[in-house]
């Protein structure tokens, strides 16, 4: 019974260790909730700017009110875009790491160290 339990544990541990090398799917920040929230927030600000322009054209806003609100919305959009760029830099770091891992995987596909190469 102990041998069976020990063998099972070893197989599970090996499976956990080997799985990342077998799994070839890349990971992306595109599904990252924080990135998606930023995209939604930026679109919301753009909609607010469009609504503001519509209200101004309809005569519902004075020019000083329009200019002040437009300035605030543009600043909000700029802050969101800056944060998106920061996350984009993180994303490129992740892409670099993924390329290094892929290169290491290709290197592991060769013959074992000290082994003879077939010619």
Protein backbone atom coordinates (compact mmCIF):
# COMPACT_ATOMS: atom_id res chain seq x y z
CA UNK A 1 0.00 0.00 0.00
CA UNK A 2 2.84 2.38 0.88
CA UNK A 3 4.61 1.67 -2.41
CA UNK A 4 1.45 2.48 -4.37
CA UNK A 5 0.96 5.73 -2.47
CA UNK A 6 4.62 6.70 -2.93
CA UNK A 7 4.50 5.92 -6.66
CA UNK A 8 1.34 7.98 -7.05
CA UNK A 9 2.88 10.95 -5.27
CA UNK A 10 6.01 10.76 -7.43
CA UNK A 11 3.93 10.62 -10.62
CA UNK A 12 1.83 13.60 -9.55
CA UNK A 13 4.95 15.58 -8.66
CA UNK A 14 6.53 14.76 -12.02
CA UNK A 15 3.33 15.74 -13.79
CA UNK A 16 3.32 19.12 -12.04
CA UNK A 17 6.96 19.71 -12.94
CA UNK A 18 6.65 18.62 -16.58
CA UNK A 19 3.30 20.27 -17.39
CA UNK A 20 4.68 23.81 -18.06
CA UNK A 21 7.10 22.38 -20.62
CA UNK A 22 4.39 20.42 -22.40
CA UNK A 23 1.80 23.19 -22.31
CA UNK A 24 2.70 25.41 -25.28
CA UNK A 25 0.01 28.05 -24.84
CA UNK A 26 1.34 31.54 -24.28
CA UNK A 27 0.00 33.83 -21.63
CA UNK A 28 -1.17 37.33 -22.37
CA UNK A 29 -2.33 40.38 -20.51
CA UNK A 30 -5.19 40.79 -22.94
CA UNK A 31 -7.42 38.90 -20.54
CA UNK A 32 -6.02 40.67 -17.51
CA UNK A 33 -8.92 42.29 -15.64
CA UNK A 34 -6.92 45.42 -14.83
CA UNK A 35 -6.08 45.99 -18.50
CA UNK A 36 -9.68 45.40 -19.50
CA UNK A 37 -10.91 47.82 -16.81
CA UNK A 38 -8.58 50.47 -18.18
CA UNK A 39 -9.87 49.94 -21.71
CA UNK A 40 -13.45 50.22 -20.51
CA UNK A 41 -12.63 53.36 -18.53
CA UNK A 42 -10.94 54.95 -21.56
CA UNK A 43 -13.95 54.18 -23.77
CA UNK A 44 -16.22 55.65 -21.10
CA UNK A 45 -14.21 58.88 -21.07
CA UNK A 46 -14.35 59.04 -24.88
CA UNK A 47 -18.13 58.63 -24.74
CA UNK A 48 -18.32 61.40 -22.15
CA UNK A 49 -16.29 63.66 -24.45
CA UNK A 50 -18.64 62.87 -27.34
CA UNK A 51 -21.66 63.59 -25.13
CA UNK A 52 -20.07 66.81 -23.97
CA UNK A 53 -19.52 67.91 -27.57
CA UNK A 54 -23.13 67.07 -28.37
CA UNK A 55 -24.39 69.07 -25.39
CA UNK A 56 -22.21 72.02 -26.39
CA UNK A 57 -23.42 71.90 -30.00
CA UNK A 58 -27.02 71.73 -28.78
CA UNK A 59 -26.45 74.85 -26.69
CA UNK A 60 -26.92 73.10 -23.35
CA UNK A 61 -23.43 74.16 -22.15
CA UNK A 62 -21.67 77.49 -22.10
CA UNK A 63 -18.22 77.72 -23.64
CA UNK A 64 -16.40 78.07 -20.28
CA UNK A 65 -18.27 75.03 -18.88
CA UNK A 66 -17.52 73.05 -22.03
CA UNK A 67 -13.83 73.97 -21.99
CA UNK A 68 -13.40 73.14 -18.30
CA UNK A 69 -15.14 69.78 -18.53
CA UNK A 70 -13.32 68.93 -21.76
CA UNK A 71 -9.97 69.68 -20.11
CA UNK A 72 -10.83 67.40 -17.15
CA UNK A 73 -11.95 64.58 -19.44
CA UNK A 74 -8.81 64.86 -21.58
CA UNK A 75 -6.65 64.71 -18.45
CA UNK A 76 -8.56 61.63 -17.28
CA UNK A 77 -8.04 59.97 -20.67
CA UNK A 78 -4.32 60.84 -20.59
CA UNK A 79 -3.92 59.28 -17.13
CA UNK A 80 -5.68 56.13 -18.29
CA UNK A 81 -3.54 55.91 -21.42
CA UNK A 82 -0.39 56.41 -19.35
CA UNK A 83 -1.39 53.52 -17.09
CA UNK A 84 -2.13 51.37 -20.15
CA UNK A 85 1.34 52.14 -21.49
CA UNK A 86 2.88 51.13 -18.17
CA UNK A 87 1.07 47.80 -18.35
CA UNK A 88 2.18 47.51 -21.98
CA UNK A 89 5.80 47.75 -20.82
CA UNK A 90 5.10 44.95 -18.35
CA UNK A 91 3.55 42.97 -21.18
CA UNK A 92 6.68 43.34 -23.34
CA UNK A 93 8.78 42.14 -20.38
CA UNK A 94 6.55 39.09 -20.16
CA UNK A 95 6.93 38.50 -23.91
CA UNK A 96 10.72 38.67 -23.53
CA UNK A 97 10.58 36.15 -20.70
CA UNK A 98 8.39 33.85 -22.79
CA UNK A 99 10.92 33.98 -25.66
CA UNK A 100 13.74 33.09 -23.23
CA UNK A 101 11.73 30.17 -21.87
CA UNK A 102 10.98 28.97 -25.41
CA UNK A 103 14.71 29.14 -26.26
CA UNK A 104 15.50 27.13 -23.12
CA UNK A 105 12.90 24.54 -24.11
CA UNK A 106 14.47 24.20 -27.56
CA UNK A 107 17.87 23.80 -25.92
CA UNK A 108 16.53 21.01 -23.74
CA UNK A 109 15.27 19.16 -26.81
CA UNK A 110 18.88 18.25 -27.77
CA UNK A 111 20.82 15.25 -26.57
CA UNK A 112 21.52 15.01 -22.84
CA UNK A 113 24.72 16.54 -21.53
CA UNK A 114 27.66 14.25 -22.05
CA UNK A 115 25.65 12.17 -24.50
CA UNK A 116 26.87 11.33 -27.95
CA UNK A 117 25.30 13.12 -30.89
CA UNK A 118 24.15 10.99 -33.75
CA UNK A 119 25.81 11.93 -37.01
